[in-house]
N, C-alpha and C. Protein backbone atom coordinates (compact mmCIF):
# COMPACT_ATOMS: atom_id res chain seq x y z
N UNK A 1 100.16 17.59 -24.80
CA UNK A 1 101.04 18.12 -23.66
C UNK A 1 101.68 19.03 -24.07
N UNK A 2 102.45 19.93 -22.94
CA UNK A 2 102.71 21.18 -23.31
C UNK A 2 104.72 20.95 -22.93
N UNK A 3 105.19 21.44 -23.88
CA UNK A 3 106.63 21.67 -23.27
C UNK A 3 107.35 23.20 -23.41
N UNK A 4 107.87 23.07 -22.47
CA UNK A 4 108.62 24.48 -22.60
C UNK A 4 110.10 23.91 -22.20
N UNK A 5 111.23 24.74 -22.74
CA UNK A 5 112.75 24.40 -22.25
C UNK A 5 113.09 25.93 -21.99
N UNK A 6 113.46 25.71 -20.72
CA UNK A 6 114.15 27.25 -19.84
C UNK A 6 115.55 26.77 -19.79
N UNK A 7 116.21 28.02 -19.98
CA UNK A 7 117.62 28.36 -19.93
C UNK A 7 118.17 28.62 -18.62
N UNK A 8 119.23 27.93 -17.62
CA UNK A 8 119.39 28.34 -16.70
C UNK A 8 120.95 28.38 -16.61
N UNK A 9 121.62 29.10 -15.59
CA UNK A 9 123.18 28.54 -15.54
C UNK A 9 123.66 27.42 -15.44
N UNK A 10 122.82 26.27 -14.72
CA UNK A 10 123.14 24.93 -14.70
C UNK A 10 122.33 24.06 -15.70
N UNK A 11 122.29 24.85 -17.17
CA UNK A 11 121.85 23.70 -18.31
C UNK A 11 120.36 24.19 -18.46
N UNK A 12 119.77 23.40 -19.56
CA UNK A 12 118.46 23.42 -19.45
C UNK A 12 117.39 22.81 -18.87
N UNK A 13 116.22 23.54 -18.67
CA UNK A 13 115.15 22.51 -17.56
C UNK A 13 114.49 22.32 -18.65
N UNK A 14 113.83 20.99 -18.59
CA UNK A 14 112.90 21.03 -19.61
C UNK A 14 111.42 20.45 -18.83
N UNK A 15 110.49 21.32 -19.17
CA UNK A 15 109.17 21.09 -18.55
C UNK A 15 108.16 20.39 -19.06
N UNK A 16 107.41 19.60 -18.94
CA UNK A 16 106.55 19.00 -19.61
C UNK A 16 105.19 18.59 -18.77
N UNK A 17 104.11 19.12 -19.26
CA UNK A 17 102.75 18.89 -18.49
C UNK A 17 101.99 18.35 -19.24
N UNK A 18 100.69 17.49 -19.06
CA UNK A 18 99.95 16.79 -19.83
C UNK A 18 99.10 18.09 -20.22
N UNK A 19 98.37 18.32 -21.14
CA UNK A 19 97.95 19.82 -21.33
C UNK A 19 96.21 19.98 -20.45
N UNK A 20 95.55 19.03 -20.30
CA UNK A 20 94.59 18.84 -19.53
C UNK A 20 94.71 19.03 -17.98
N UNK A 21 95.78 19.10 -17.42
CA UNK A 21 96.53 19.37 -16.35
C UNK A 21 96.32 20.99 -16.09
N UNK A 22 96.71 21.54 -16.95
CA UNK A 22 96.86 23.31 -17.10
C UNK A 22 95.72 23.70 -16.48
N UNK A 23 95.97 24.63 -15.24
CA UNK A 23 95.28 24.91 -14.47
C UNK A 23 94.55 24.61 -13.22
N UNK A 24 94.63 23.21 -13.20
CA UNK A 24 94.32 22.88 -11.71
C UNK A 24 95.46 22.78 -10.86
N UNK A 25 94.75 22.87 -9.63
CA UNK A 25 95.52 22.59 -8.46
C UNK A 25 95.52 21.55 -7.78
N UNK A 26 96.75 20.99 -7.63
CA UNK A 26 96.75 19.42 -7.00
C UNK A 26 97.45 19.74 -5.67
N UNK A 27 96.57 18.88 -4.69
CA UNK A 27 97.14 19.25 -3.22
C UNK A 27 96.69 17.74 -2.51
N UNK A 28 97.78 17.59 -2.10
CA UNK A 28 97.63 16.33 -1.39
C UNK A 28 98.91 16.28 0.13
N UNK A 29 98.08 16.30 1.25
CA UNK A 29 98.96 16.60 2.72
C UNK A 29 99.73 17.85 2.46
N UNK A 30 101.04 18.00 2.83
CA UNK A 30 101.60 19.20 2.74
C UNK A 30 102.20 19.49 1.22
N UNK A 31 101.58 18.70 0.18
CA UNK A 31 102.37 18.82 -1.14
C UNK A 31 101.35 19.74 -2.09
N UNK A 32 101.82 20.78 -2.57
CA UNK A 32 100.98 21.52 -3.57
C UNK A 32 101.60 21.48 -4.58
N UNK A 33 100.69 21.50 -6.03
CA UNK A 33 101.12 21.91 -7.11
C UNK A 33 100.20 22.58 -8.07
N UNK A 34 100.22 24.10 -8.29
CA UNK A 34 99.89 25.06 -8.65
C UNK A 34 99.47 25.06 -10.01
N UNK A 35 99.11 24.30 -11.01
CA UNK A 35 99.18 24.13 -12.46
C UNK A 35 98.46 25.66 -13.06
N UNK A 36 97.99 26.41 -12.42
CA UNK A 36 97.05 27.48 -12.61
C UNK A 36 98.47 28.62 -12.36
N UNK A 37 98.60 28.67 -11.25
CA UNK A 37 99.32 29.97 -10.88
C UNK A 37 100.77 29.75 -11.91
N UNK A 38 101.14 28.56 -12.19
CA UNK A 38 102.67 28.33 -12.85
C UNK A 38 102.15 27.89 -14.15
N UNK A 39 101.43 27.96 -14.51
CA UNK A 39 100.96 27.42 -16.02
C UNK A 39 102.03 28.21 -17.14
N UNK A 40 102.48 29.15 -16.90
CA UNK A 40 103.49 29.54 -17.70
C UNK A 40 104.77 28.68 -17.80
N UNK A 41 105.25 28.33 -16.71
CA UNK A 41 106.39 27.62 -16.83
C UNK A 41 106.04 26.44 -17.58
N UNK A 42 105.14 25.82 -17.91
CA UNK A 42 104.93 24.23 -18.77
C UNK A 42 104.39 24.95 -19.95
N UNK A 43 103.34 25.91 -20.06
CA UNK A 43 103.16 26.31 -21.51
C UNK A 43 103.99 26.85 -22.61
N UNK A 44 104.51 26.09 -23.36
CA UNK A 44 105.15 26.59 -24.44
C UNK A 44 104.67 25.90 -25.57
N UNK A 45 105.14 25.07 -26.36
CA UNK A 45 104.78 24.24 -27.36
C UNK A 45 104.03 23.28 -27.30
N UNK A 46 102.70 22.70 -27.73
CA UNK A 46 102.01 21.78 -27.63
C UNK A 46 102.67 20.55 -28.70
N UNK A 47 103.02 19.62 -27.76
CA UNK A 47 103.37 18.39 -28.68
C UNK A 47 102.99 16.82 -28.48
N UNK A 48 103.45 15.99 -29.15
CA UNK A 48 102.88 14.54 -29.17
C UNK A 48 103.95 14.12 -28.16
N UNK A 49 103.45 12.63 -28.03
CA UNK A 49 104.45 11.78 -27.35
C UNK A 49 105.85 11.65 -27.67
N UNK A 50 105.67 11.15 -29.32
CA UNK A 50 106.57 11.02 -30.02
C UNK A 50 108.02 12.30 -29.53
N UNK A 51 107.29 13.77 -30.26
CA UNK A 51 108.12 14.62 -30.33
C UNK A 51 108.49 15.24 -28.60
N UNK A 52 107.74 14.77 -28.04
CA UNK A 52 108.43 15.16 -26.27
C UNK A 52 109.40 14.01 -25.84
N UNK A 53 109.31 12.80 -26.40
CA UNK A 53 110.33 12.03 -26.01
C UNK A 53 111.81 12.43 -26.62
N UNK A 54 111.50 12.90 -27.69
CA UNK A 54 112.84 13.27 -28.60
C UNK A 54 113.37 14.28 -28.12
N UNK A 55 112.90 15.24 -27.39
CA UNK A 55 113.01 16.47 -26.64
C UNK A 55 113.83 16.12 -25.53
N UNK A 56 113.25 14.93 -24.76
CA UNK A 56 113.75 14.40 -23.76
C UNK A 56 115.09 13.60 -23.47
N UNK A 57 115.12 13.24 -24.87
CA UNK A 57 116.48 12.21 -24.74
C UNK A 57 117.59 13.00 -24.27
N UNK A 58 118.32 12.36 -23.51
CA UNK A 58 119.77 13.12 -22.72
C UNK A 58 119.61 14.16 -22.09
N UNK A 59 118.08 14.45 -21.72
CA UNK A 59 118.07 15.65 -20.60
C UNK A 59 118.42 15.48 -19.33
N UNK A 60 119.38 16.48 -18.55
CA UNK A 60 119.60 16.26 -17.29
C UNK A 60 118.76 16.95 -16.12
N UNK A 61 118.02 18.09 -16.84
CA UNK A 61 117.21 18.98 -15.61
C UNK A 61 115.68 18.69 -16.36
N UNK A 62 114.75 17.94 -15.52
CA UNK A 62 113.44 17.68 -16.03
C UNK A 62 112.51 18.13 -14.93
N UNK A 63 110.88 18.42 -15.36
CA UNK A 63 110.24 18.75 -14.66
C UNK A 63 108.75 18.30 -15.21
N UNK A 64 108.37 16.86 -14.97
CA UNK A 64 107.03 16.32 -15.78
C UNK A 64 106.14 16.42 -14.88
N UNK A 65 104.72 16.25 -15.51
CA UNK A 65 103.56 16.39 -14.57
C UNK A 65 102.44 15.68 -15.69
N UNK A 66 101.96 14.49 -15.08
CA UNK A 66 100.81 13.92 -15.90
C UNK A 66 101.34 12.73 -16.25
N UNK A 67 100.52 11.59 -16.42
CA UNK A 67 100.64 10.22 -17.25
C UNK A 67 101.35 10.41 -18.33
N UNK A 68 100.86 11.32 -19.13
CA UNK A 68 101.69 11.32 -20.65
C UNK A 68 102.97 11.55 -20.96
N UNK A 69 103.28 12.55 -19.82
CA UNK A 69 104.47 13.47 -19.73
C UNK A 69 105.41 11.92 -19.33
N UNK A 70 105.04 11.44 -18.20
CA UNK A 70 105.87 10.47 -17.70
C UNK A 70 106.10 9.44 -18.71
N UNK A 71 105.26 8.76 -19.70
CA UNK A 71 105.22 8.02 -20.65
C UNK A 71 106.28 8.47 -21.65
N UNK A 72 105.88 9.67 -22.07
CA UNK A 72 107.31 10.40 -22.75
C UNK A 72 108.48 10.25 -22.57
N UNK A 73 108.71 10.25 -21.25
CA UNK A 73 109.98 10.40 -20.75
C UNK A 73 110.48 8.89 -20.57
N UNK A 74 109.86 7.94 -20.20
CA UNK A 74 109.94 6.83 -20.13
C UNK A 74 110.54 6.29 -21.48
N UNK A 75 109.66 6.43 -22.57
CA UNK A 75 110.12 6.36 -23.98
C UNK A 75 111.19 6.95 -24.58
N UNK A 76 111.71 7.85 -23.80
CA UNK A 76 112.88 8.76 -24.00
C UNK A 76 114.13 7.95 -23.50
N UNK A 77 113.54 6.84 -22.65
CA UNK A 77 114.95 6.12 -21.70
C UNK A 77 115.05 6.71 -20.48
N UNK A 78 114.53 7.66 -19.85
CA UNK A 78 114.67 7.99 -18.64
C UNK A 78 113.73 7.21 -17.56
N UNK A 79 114.75 7.21 -16.25
CA UNK A 79 114.12 6.38 -15.18
C UNK A 79 113.07 7.03 -14.76
N UNK A 80 111.55 6.78 -14.67
CA UNK A 80 110.51 7.61 -14.03
C UNK A 80 110.31 6.83 -12.75
N UNK A 81 110.67 5.81 -12.46
CA UNK A 81 110.28 4.76 -11.25
C UNK A 81 110.32 5.81 -9.87
N UNK A 82 111.20 6.66 -9.72
CA UNK A 82 111.16 7.55 -8.58
C UNK A 82 110.09 8.85 -8.82
N UNK A 83 109.18 8.81 -9.39
CA UNK A 83 107.79 9.96 -9.54
C UNK A 83 107.42 9.45 -8.25
N UNK A 84 106.52 10.79 -7.65
CA UNK A 84 105.59 10.91 -6.96
C UNK A 84 104.23 11.24 -7.29
N UNK A 85 103.20 11.10 -6.62
CA UNK A 85 101.92 11.06 -6.83
C UNK A 85 101.19 12.21 -5.98
N UNK A 86 100.64 13.07 -6.71
CA UNK A 86 100.09 14.35 -5.96
C UNK A 86 98.50 14.32 -6.64
N UNK A 87 97.29 14.16 -5.47
CA UNK A 87 96.12 13.71 -5.89
C UNK A 87 96.25 12.87 -7.15
N UNK A 88 96.80 11.95 -7.27
CA UNK A 88 96.67 10.53 -8.39
C UNK A 88 97.32 11.09 -9.57
N UNK A 89 97.91 12.20 -9.63
CA UNK A 89 98.58 12.56 -10.70
C UNK A 89 100.22 12.45 -10.43
N UNK A 90 101.14 12.05 -11.38
CA UNK A 90 102.31 11.52 -11.54
C UNK A 90 103.19 12.82 -11.51
N UNK A 91 104.25 13.02 -10.79
CA UNK A 91 105.20 13.88 -10.90
C UNK A 91 106.69 13.73 -10.73
N UNK A 92 107.26 14.11 -11.44
CA UNK A 92 108.97 13.93 -11.30
C UNK A 92 109.83 15.37 -11.52
N UNK A 93 110.62 15.45 -10.55
CA UNK A 93 111.63 16.56 -10.90
C UNK A 93 112.83 15.56 -10.92
N UNK A 94 114.10 16.06 -11.56
CA UNK A 94 115.09 15.38 -11.66
C UNK A 94 116.07 16.62 -12.31
N UNK A 95 117.22 16.46 -11.64
CA UNK A 95 118.14 17.56 -11.62
C UNK A 95 119.47 16.84 -11.55
N UNK A 96 120.17 17.64 -12.64
CA UNK A 96 121.87 17.16 -12.37
C UNK A 96 122.73 18.19 -11.79
N UNK A 97 123.27 17.68 -11.03
CA UNK A 97 123.85 18.51 -9.63
C UNK A 97 125.61 18.62 -9.84
């Protein structure tokens, strides 16, 4: 998985994506997630499930793509039950407002 932490005025956004998905374009109906065009958003440090879970603990702004990434979030205690599926790939965005 790739983990990248983005700073924003509203706090950090943690982006986590299964490595094998980088470069793919996921499309289903009116949903499109272009992991080639936006690869830089996700491609930071390559991490294990354990280190991803550690980084996600207490996270309030997340963007997750892939089964491994959502599994790491669940391991960190985050509720991933509201994820959607795009072309069979789970995706979840959650932001503290």
